[in-house]
């Protein structure tokens, strides 16, 4: 009864609350969000960040988009890396779905208070990612 009364008194807040209740990273496709995010980081192609050798074989490409560890195919290099090594996303514990959703929510002007109810992070993390995404946009401009 109390919820019904709130719904009639605050119809806009109620609709927003209902919409955001089902909005979470698990509903975003891993492959699509990971591909998009990684392609945004590597506009020059899929390469070893240490020596620049291009990734051409299917197994390494699959690992590249799954943000898994890859060994460079160059015999001179042979170092390990992921698709986020030496990028703004290096060291992040958020998965691509969370990052994709976080970027969308920030761009849509959603408040950090609302974001933390959708993505399991704290406000300080949201603030750091706002700065990181701004830096990434400045680099690509």
N, C-alpha and C. Protein backbone atom coordinates (compact mmCIF):
# COMPACT_ATOMS: atom_id res chain seq x y z
N UNK A 1 0.82 -1.19 0.00
CA UNK A 1 0.00 0.00 0.00
C UNK A 1 0.87 1.26 0.00
N UNK A 2 1.92 1.23 0.82
CA UNK A 2 2.82 2.38 0.87
C UNK A 2 3.50 2.60 -0.48
N UNK A 3 3.91 1.51 -1.17
CA UNK A 3 4.53 1.63 -2.48
C UNK A 3 3.55 2.22 -3.49
N UNK A 4 2.30 1.79 -3.43
CA UNK A 4 1.28 2.31 -4.34
C UNK A 4 1.10 3.81 -4.12
N UNK A 5 1.08 4.24 -2.87
CA UNK A 5 0.95 5.66 -2.57
C UNK A 5 2.15 6.42 -3.13
N UNK A 6 3.36 5.88 -2.97
CA UNK A 6 4.56 6.54 -3.50
C UNK A 6 4.48 6.63 -5.02
N UNK A 7 4.01 5.55 -5.67
CA UNK A 7 3.90 5.53 -7.12
C UNK A 7 2.99 6.64 -7.64
N UNK A 8 1.89 6.88 -6.95
CA UNK A 8 0.94 7.89 -7.42
C UNK A 8 1.43 9.30 -7.10
N UNK A 9 2.17 9.45 -5.99
CA UNK A 9 2.68 10.76 -5.61
C UNK A 9 3.92 11.15 -6.41
N UNK A 10 4.75 10.17 -6.78
CA UNK A 10 6.01 10.42 -7.49
C UNK A 10 6.10 9.52 -8.73
N UNK A 11 5.24 9.76 -9.72
CA UNK A 11 5.24 8.84 -10.88
C UNK A 11 6.54 8.83 -11.67
N UNK A 12 7.25 9.96 -11.76
CA UNK A 12 8.50 9.99 -12.53
C UNK A 12 9.60 9.22 -11.82
N UNK A 13 9.74 9.41 -10.51
CA UNK A 13 10.75 8.68 -9.76
C UNK A 13 10.44 7.20 -9.76
N UNK A 14 9.20 6.86 -9.67
CA UNK A 14 8.81 5.46 -9.65
C UNK A 14 9.17 4.79 -10.97
N UNK A 15 8.89 5.45 -12.09
CA UNK A 15 9.21 4.88 -13.41
C UNK A 15 10.72 4.72 -13.57
N UNK A 16 11.49 5.71 -13.12
CA UNK A 16 12.95 5.63 -13.22
C UNK A 16 13.48 4.50 -12.36
N UNK A 17 12.93 4.36 -11.16
CA UNK A 17 13.39 3.30 -10.26
C UNK A 17 13.08 1.93 -10.86
N UNK A 18 11.92 1.79 -11.44
CA UNK A 18 11.55 0.51 -12.05
C UNK A 18 12.44 0.21 -13.26
N UNK A 19 12.74 1.24 -14.05
CA UNK A 19 13.58 1.03 -15.24
C UNK A 19 14.99 0.65 -14.85
N UNK A 20 15.54 1.29 -13.83
CA UNK A 20 16.93 1.00 -13.46
C UNK A 20 17.06 -0.30 -12.70
N UNK A 21 15.97 -0.81 -12.14
CA UNK A 21 16.04 -2.05 -11.38
C UNK A 21 16.50 -3.23 -12.24
N UNK A 22 16.12 -3.25 -13.50
CA UNK A 22 16.51 -4.34 -14.38
C UNK A 22 17.70 -4.01 -15.25
N UNK A 23 18.34 -2.89 -14.99
CA UNK A 23 19.45 -2.39 -15.80
C UNK A 23 20.75 -2.68 -15.09
N UNK A 24 21.50 -3.68 -15.54
CA UNK A 24 22.76 -4.02 -14.88
C UNK A 24 23.71 -4.67 -15.88
N UNK A 25 25.00 -4.76 -15.55
CA UNK A 25 25.99 -5.29 -16.48
C UNK A 25 25.69 -6.68 -17.03
N UNK A 26 25.03 -7.50 -16.26
CA UNK A 26 24.71 -8.85 -16.71
C UNK A 26 23.80 -8.90 -17.92
N UNK A 27 23.11 -7.80 -18.20
CA UNK A 27 22.22 -7.75 -19.35
C UNK A 27 22.92 -7.25 -20.62
N UNK A 28 24.19 -6.87 -20.48
CA UNK A 28 24.96 -6.40 -21.63
C UNK A 28 25.79 -7.57 -22.15
N UNK A 29 25.80 -7.75 -23.45
CA UNK A 29 26.54 -8.86 -24.06
C UNK A 29 28.05 -8.64 -23.90
N UNK A 30 28.73 -9.66 -23.35
CA UNK A 30 30.17 -9.59 -23.15
C UNK A 30 30.89 -9.33 -24.47
N UNK A 31 30.61 -10.13 -25.48
CA UNK A 31 31.36 -10.05 -26.74
C UNK A 31 31.20 -8.68 -27.40
N UNK A 32 30.00 -8.16 -27.45
CA UNK A 32 29.79 -6.87 -28.11
C UNK A 32 30.45 -5.73 -27.34
N UNK A 33 30.29 -5.72 -26.03
CA UNK A 33 30.88 -4.64 -25.24
C UNK A 33 32.40 -4.72 -25.22
N UNK A 34 32.93 -5.93 -25.11
CA UNK A 34 34.39 -6.11 -25.11
C UNK A 34 34.97 -5.71 -26.46
N UNK A 35 34.36 -6.15 -27.54
CA UNK A 35 34.86 -5.80 -28.88
C UNK A 35 34.86 -4.28 -29.06
N UNK A 36 33.77 -3.65 -28.67
CA UNK A 36 33.67 -2.20 -28.85
C UNK A 36 34.74 -1.48 -28.03
N UNK A 37 34.85 -1.84 -26.76
CA UNK A 37 35.79 -1.16 -25.86
C UNK A 37 37.23 -1.37 -26.34
N UNK A 38 37.58 -2.57 -26.70
CA UNK A 38 38.95 -2.87 -27.12
C UNK A 38 39.27 -2.20 -28.45
N UNK A 39 38.31 -2.20 -29.37
CA UNK A 39 38.53 -1.52 -30.65
C UNK A 39 38.71 -0.02 -30.46
N UNK A 40 38.04 0.56 -29.47
CA UNK A 40 38.21 1.99 -29.17
C UNK A 40 39.62 2.28 -28.66
N UNK A 41 40.18 1.32 -27.95
CA UNK A 41 41.54 1.49 -27.41
C UNK A 41 42.61 1.32 -28.47
N UNK A 42 42.33 0.52 -29.48
CA UNK A 42 43.35 0.14 -30.47
C UNK A 42 42.91 0.49 -31.89
N UNK A 43 42.84 1.77 -32.17
CA UNK A 43 42.43 2.21 -33.50
C UNK A 43 43.49 1.88 -34.55
N UNK A 44 44.72 1.64 -34.12
CA UNK A 44 45.80 1.30 -35.05
C UNK A 44 45.92 -0.20 -35.31
N UNK A 45 45.03 -0.99 -34.74
CA UNK A 45 45.03 -2.44 -34.99
C UNK A 45 45.39 -3.25 -33.76
N UNK A 46 45.33 -4.54 -33.95
CA UNK A 46 45.60 -5.49 -32.87
C UNK A 46 47.06 -5.88 -32.91
N UNK A 47 47.84 -5.32 -31.97
CA UNK A 47 49.29 -5.49 -31.98
C UNK A 47 49.84 -5.72 -30.58
N UNK A 48 51.00 -6.32 -30.54
CA UNK A 48 51.73 -6.45 -29.28
C UNK A 48 52.10 -5.04 -28.82
N UNK A 49 51.78 -4.68 -27.59
CA UNK A 49 52.11 -3.33 -27.12
C UNK A 49 53.60 -3.10 -26.89
N UNK A 50 54.38 -4.17 -26.90
CA UNK A 50 55.81 -4.06 -26.64
C UNK A 50 56.63 -3.91 -27.92
N UNK A 51 56.34 -4.74 -28.93
CA UNK A 51 57.15 -4.70 -30.16
C UNK A 51 56.36 -4.30 -31.40
N UNK A 52 55.03 -4.28 -31.31
CA UNK A 52 54.21 -3.84 -32.44
C UNK A 52 53.84 -4.91 -33.44
N UNK A 53 54.19 -6.17 -33.19
CA UNK A 53 53.84 -7.26 -34.11
C UNK A 53 52.32 -7.42 -34.14
N UNK A 54 51.77 -7.49 -35.34
CA UNK A 54 50.33 -7.63 -35.50
C UNK A 54 49.85 -9.03 -35.14
N UNK A 55 48.69 -9.12 -34.52
CA UNK A 55 48.08 -10.41 -34.18
C UNK A 55 47.27 -10.86 -35.38
N UNK A 56 47.59 -12.03 -35.90
CA UNK A 56 46.88 -12.52 -37.08
C UNK A 56 46.20 -13.87 -36.87
N UNK A 57 46.67 -14.67 -35.93
CA UNK A 57 46.07 -16.00 -35.79
C UNK A 57 44.81 -15.93 -34.92
N UNK A 58 43.88 -16.83 -35.23
CA UNK A 58 42.57 -16.85 -34.58
C UNK A 58 42.63 -17.04 -33.07
N UNK A 59 43.49 -17.91 -32.60
CA UNK A 59 43.57 -18.18 -31.16
C UNK A 59 43.96 -16.92 -30.39
N UNK A 60 44.95 -16.19 -30.88
CA UNK A 60 45.37 -14.96 -30.20
C UNK A 60 44.30 -13.88 -30.32
N UNK A 61 43.64 -13.80 -31.45
CA UNK A 61 42.57 -12.81 -31.61
C UNK A 61 41.42 -13.09 -30.64
N UNK A 62 41.09 -14.34 -30.46
CA UNK A 62 40.03 -14.71 -29.52
C UNK A 62 40.44 -14.29 -28.11
N UNK A 63 41.67 -14.58 -27.73
CA UNK A 63 42.17 -14.20 -26.40
C UNK A 63 42.24 -12.67 -26.26
N UNK A 64 42.59 -11.99 -27.34
CA UNK A 64 42.65 -10.52 -27.37
C UNK A 64 41.30 -9.94 -26.96
N UNK A 65 40.21 -10.42 -27.57
CA UNK A 65 38.89 -9.89 -27.28
C UNK A 65 38.29 -10.40 -25.97
N UNK A 66 38.88 -11.43 -25.40
CA UNK A 66 38.43 -11.92 -24.10
C UNK A 66 39.27 -11.32 -22.96
N UNK A 67 40.16 -10.39 -23.32
CA UNK A 67 41.06 -9.72 -22.37
C UNK A 67 41.84 -10.76 -21.57
N UNK A 68 42.32 -11.76 -22.27
CA UNK A 68 43.13 -12.80 -21.64
C UNK A 68 44.60 -12.60 -22.00
N UNK A 69 45.45 -13.25 -21.27
CA UNK A 69 46.89 -13.15 -21.47
C UNK A 69 47.30 -13.79 -22.80
N UNK A 70 48.17 -13.10 -23.52
CA UNK A 70 48.64 -13.54 -24.83
C UNK A 70 50.17 -13.48 -24.82
N UNK A 71 50.81 -14.47 -25.44
CA UNK A 71 52.26 -14.42 -25.60
C UNK A 71 52.54 -13.92 -27.01
N UNK A 72 53.42 -12.94 -27.13
CA UNK A 72 53.76 -12.37 -28.43
C UNK A 72 54.34 -13.45 -29.34
N UNK A 73 53.93 -13.43 -30.60
CA UNK A 73 54.38 -14.44 -31.55
C UNK A 73 55.79 -14.16 -32.08
N UNK A 74 56.31 -12.97 -31.82
CA UNK A 74 57.66 -12.63 -32.26
C UNK A 74 58.68 -13.36 -31.41
N UNK A 75 59.63 -14.02 -32.06
CA UNK A 75 60.66 -14.74 -31.31
C UNK A 75 61.59 -13.77 -30.58
N UNK A 76 61.76 -12.56 -31.11
CA UNK A 76 62.60 -11.57 -30.44
C UNK A 76 61.93 -11.00 -29.19
N UNK A 77 60.62 -10.89 -29.21
CA UNK A 77 59.89 -10.29 -28.08
C UNK A 77 59.44 -11.37 -27.10
N UNK A 78 58.47 -12.17 -27.47
CA UNK A 78 57.99 -13.26 -26.64
C UNK A 78 57.37 -12.85 -25.31
N UNK A 79 57.04 -11.56 -25.15
CA UNK A 79 56.48 -11.07 -23.88
C UNK A 79 54.98 -11.36 -23.81
N UNK A 80 54.47 -11.35 -22.59
CA UNK A 80 53.04 -11.56 -22.37
C UNK A 80 52.34 -10.21 -22.23
N UNK A 81 51.08 -10.17 -22.66
CA UNK A 81 50.28 -8.96 -22.58
C UNK A 81 48.80 -9.31 -22.72
N UNK A 82 47.94 -8.33 -22.48
CA UNK A 82 46.51 -8.44 -22.78
C UNK A 82 46.13 -7.26 -23.67
N UNK A 83 44.90 -7.22 -24.10
CA UNK A 83 44.46 -6.12 -24.95
C UNK A 83 44.37 -4.79 -24.19
N UNK A 84 44.47 -4.85 -22.87
CA UNK A 84 44.43 -3.60 -22.10
C UNK A 84 45.81 -3.15 -21.60
N UNK A 85 46.85 -3.92 -21.88
CA UNK A 85 48.21 -3.56 -21.45
C UNK A 85 48.60 -2.21 -22.04
N UNK A 86 49.15 -1.35 -21.20
CA UNK A 86 49.61 -0.01 -21.59
C UNK A 86 48.49 0.87 -22.14
N UNK A 87 47.27 0.66 -21.67
CA UNK A 87 46.14 1.51 -22.05
C UNK A 87 45.53 2.12 -20.79
N UNK A 88 44.54 2.98 -20.98
CA UNK A 88 43.85 3.59 -19.85
C UNK A 88 43.11 2.55 -19.02
N UNK A 89 42.86 1.36 -19.58
CA UNK A 89 42.13 0.32 -18.87
C UNK A 89 43.06 -0.67 -18.17
N UNK A 90 44.36 -0.47 -18.32
CA UNK A 90 45.33 -1.37 -17.71
C UNK A 90 45.15 -1.40 -16.20
N UNK A 91 45.08 -2.60 -15.65
CA UNK A 91 44.92 -2.77 -14.22
C UNK A 91 43.50 -2.67 -13.71
N UNK A 92 42.54 -2.43 -14.59
CA UNK A 92 41.15 -2.32 -14.16
C UNK A 92 40.60 -3.68 -13.75
N UNK A 93 39.81 -3.68 -12.69
CA UNK A 93 39.16 -4.92 -12.27
C UNK A 93 37.74 -5.02 -12.81
N UNK A 94 37.27 -3.97 -13.49
CA UNK A 94 35.95 -4.00 -14.09
C UNK A 94 36.00 -4.78 -15.40
N UNK A 95 34.97 -5.56 -15.66
CA UNK A 95 34.96 -6.27 -16.94
C UNK A 95 34.39 -5.36 -18.03
N UNK A 96 34.57 -5.72 -19.30
CA UNK A 96 34.13 -4.84 -20.39
C UNK A 96 32.65 -4.46 -20.33
N UNK A 97 31.79 -5.35 -19.85
CA UNK A 97 30.37 -5.00 -19.75
C UNK A 97 30.16 -3.87 -18.75
N UNK A 98 30.86 -3.95 -17.62
CA UNK A 98 30.73 -2.90 -16.62
C UNK A 98 31.30 -1.58 -17.14
N UNK A 99 32.43 -1.64 -17.82
CA UNK A 99 33.02 -0.43 -18.38
C UNK A 99 32.14 0.19 -19.46
N UNK A 100 31.59 -0.64 -20.31
CA UNK A 100 30.70 -0.18 -21.38
C UNK A 100 29.48 0.51 -20.77
N UNK A 101 28.86 -0.15 -19.81
CA UNK A 101 27.68 0.41 -19.15
C UNK A 101 28.05 1.67 -18.39
N UNK A 102 29.18 1.68 -17.72
CA UNK A 102 29.64 2.85 -16.98
C UNK A 102 29.83 4.03 -17.92
N UNK A 103 30.46 3.80 -19.06
CA UNK A 103 30.67 4.87 -20.04
C UNK A 103 29.34 5.42 -20.53
N UNK A 104 28.40 4.54 -20.85
CA UNK A 104 27.08 4.98 -21.31
C UNK A 104 26.39 5.82 -20.24
N UNK A 105 26.37 5.34 -19.02
CA UNK A 105 25.70 6.06 -17.94
C UNK A 105 26.32 7.43 -17.69
N UNK A 106 27.65 7.51 -17.76
CA UNK A 106 28.33 8.79 -17.57
C UNK A 106 27.96 9.74 -18.70
N UNK A 107 27.98 9.24 -19.94
CA UNK A 107 27.64 10.08 -21.09
C UNK A 107 26.19 10.54 -21.05
N UNK A 108 25.32 9.73 -20.50
CA UNK A 108 23.90 10.09 -20.39
C UNK A 108 23.63 11.04 -19.24
N UNK A 109 24.67 11.35 -18.45
CA UNK A 109 24.52 12.29 -17.36
C UNK A 109 23.90 11.71 -16.10
N UNK A 110 23.97 10.40 -15.97
CA UNK A 110 23.43 9.75 -14.77
C UNK A 110 24.34 10.07 -13.59
N UNK A 111 23.75 10.37 -12.46
CA UNK A 111 24.52 10.76 -11.29
C UNK A 111 25.31 9.58 -10.74
N UNK A 112 26.47 9.86 -10.12
CA UNK A 112 27.25 8.79 -9.49
C UNK A 112 26.45 7.99 -8.46
N UNK A 113 25.55 8.66 -7.75
CA UNK A 113 24.71 7.97 -6.76
C UNK A 113 23.85 6.90 -7.43
N UNK A 114 23.30 7.21 -8.59
CA UNK A 114 22.48 6.24 -9.31
C UNK A 114 23.36 5.17 -9.94
N UNK A 115 24.51 5.56 -10.46
CA UNK A 115 25.41 4.60 -11.10
C UNK A 115 25.81 3.49 -10.13
N UNK A 116 26.11 3.85 -8.89
CA UNK A 116 26.56 2.83 -7.93
C UNK A 116 25.44 1.87 -7.53
N UNK A 117 24.19 2.22 -7.83
CA UNK A 117 23.10 1.26 -7.60
C UNK A 117 22.97 0.28 -8.74
N UNK A 118 23.55 0.62 -9.90
CA UNK A 118 23.46 -0.23 -11.09
C UNK A 118 24.72 -1.08 -11.24
N UNK A 119 25.87 -0.47 -11.03
CA UNK A 119 27.16 -1.15 -11.17
C UNK A 119 27.80 -1.23 -9.78
N UNK A 120 28.29 -2.38 -9.37
CA UNK A 120 28.83 -2.52 -8.01
C UNK A 120 30.21 -1.88 -7.83
N UNK A 121 30.22 -0.54 -7.82
CA UNK A 121 31.45 0.22 -7.58
C UNK A 121 31.13 1.32 -6.58
N UNK A 122 32.16 2.01 -6.07
CA UNK A 122 31.88 3.12 -5.18
C UNK A 122 31.97 4.44 -5.94
N UNK A 123 31.55 5.52 -5.28
CA UNK A 123 31.51 6.84 -5.93
C UNK A 123 32.89 7.29 -6.39
N UNK A 124 33.91 6.99 -5.61
CA UNK A 124 35.27 7.39 -5.98
C UNK A 124 35.70 6.71 -7.28
N UNK A 125 35.31 5.46 -7.45
CA UNK A 125 35.63 4.74 -8.69
C UNK A 125 34.94 5.41 -9.88
N UNK A 126 33.69 5.79 -9.70
CA UNK A 126 32.97 6.49 -10.78
C UNK A 126 33.70 7.78 -11.13
N UNK A 127 34.13 8.53 -10.12
CA UNK A 127 34.86 9.77 -10.37
C UNK A 127 36.17 9.54 -11.13
N UNK A 128 36.89 8.48 -10.76
CA UNK A 128 38.14 8.16 -11.47
C UNK A 128 37.86 7.81 -12.93
N UNK A 129 36.78 7.06 -13.17
CA UNK A 129 36.46 6.68 -14.54
C UNK A 129 35.97 7.86 -15.37
N UNK A 130 35.31 8.80 -14.75
CA UNK A 130 34.93 10.02 -15.48
C UNK A 130 36.19 10.69 -16.01
N UNK A 131 37.21 10.80 -15.16
CA UNK A 131 38.48 11.42 -15.56
C UNK A 131 39.19 10.58 -16.63
N UNK A 132 39.18 9.26 -16.46
CA UNK A 132 39.84 8.38 -17.46
C UNK A 132 39.16 8.50 -18.82
N UNK A 133 37.83 8.46 -18.84
CA UNK A 133 37.11 8.57 -20.12
C UNK A 133 37.34 9.91 -20.76
N UNK A 134 37.42 10.98 -19.97
CA UNK A 134 37.72 12.31 -20.51
C UNK A 134 39.12 12.31 -21.13
N UNK A 135 40.08 11.70 -20.46
CA UNK A 135 41.45 11.63 -20.98
C UNK A 135 41.49 10.84 -22.28
N UNK A 136 40.73 9.76 -22.35
CA UNK A 136 40.69 8.94 -23.56
C UNK A 136 40.10 9.75 -24.73
N UNK A 137 39.07 10.54 -24.46
CA UNK A 137 38.45 11.35 -25.50
C UNK A 137 39.41 12.42 -25.99
N UNK A 138 40.19 13.01 -25.08
CA UNK A 138 41.16 14.03 -25.47
C UNK A 138 42.26 13.44 -26.33
N UNK A 139 42.66 12.20 -26.03
CA UNK A 139 43.70 11.54 -26.84
C UNK A 139 43.21 11.25 -28.25
N UNK A 140 41.93 10.88 -28.38
CA UNK A 140 41.41 10.52 -29.69
C UNK A 140 40.99 11.74 -30.51
N UNK A 141 40.90 12.91 -29.87
CA UNK A 141 40.47 14.13 -30.59
C UNK A 141 41.59 14.75 -31.35
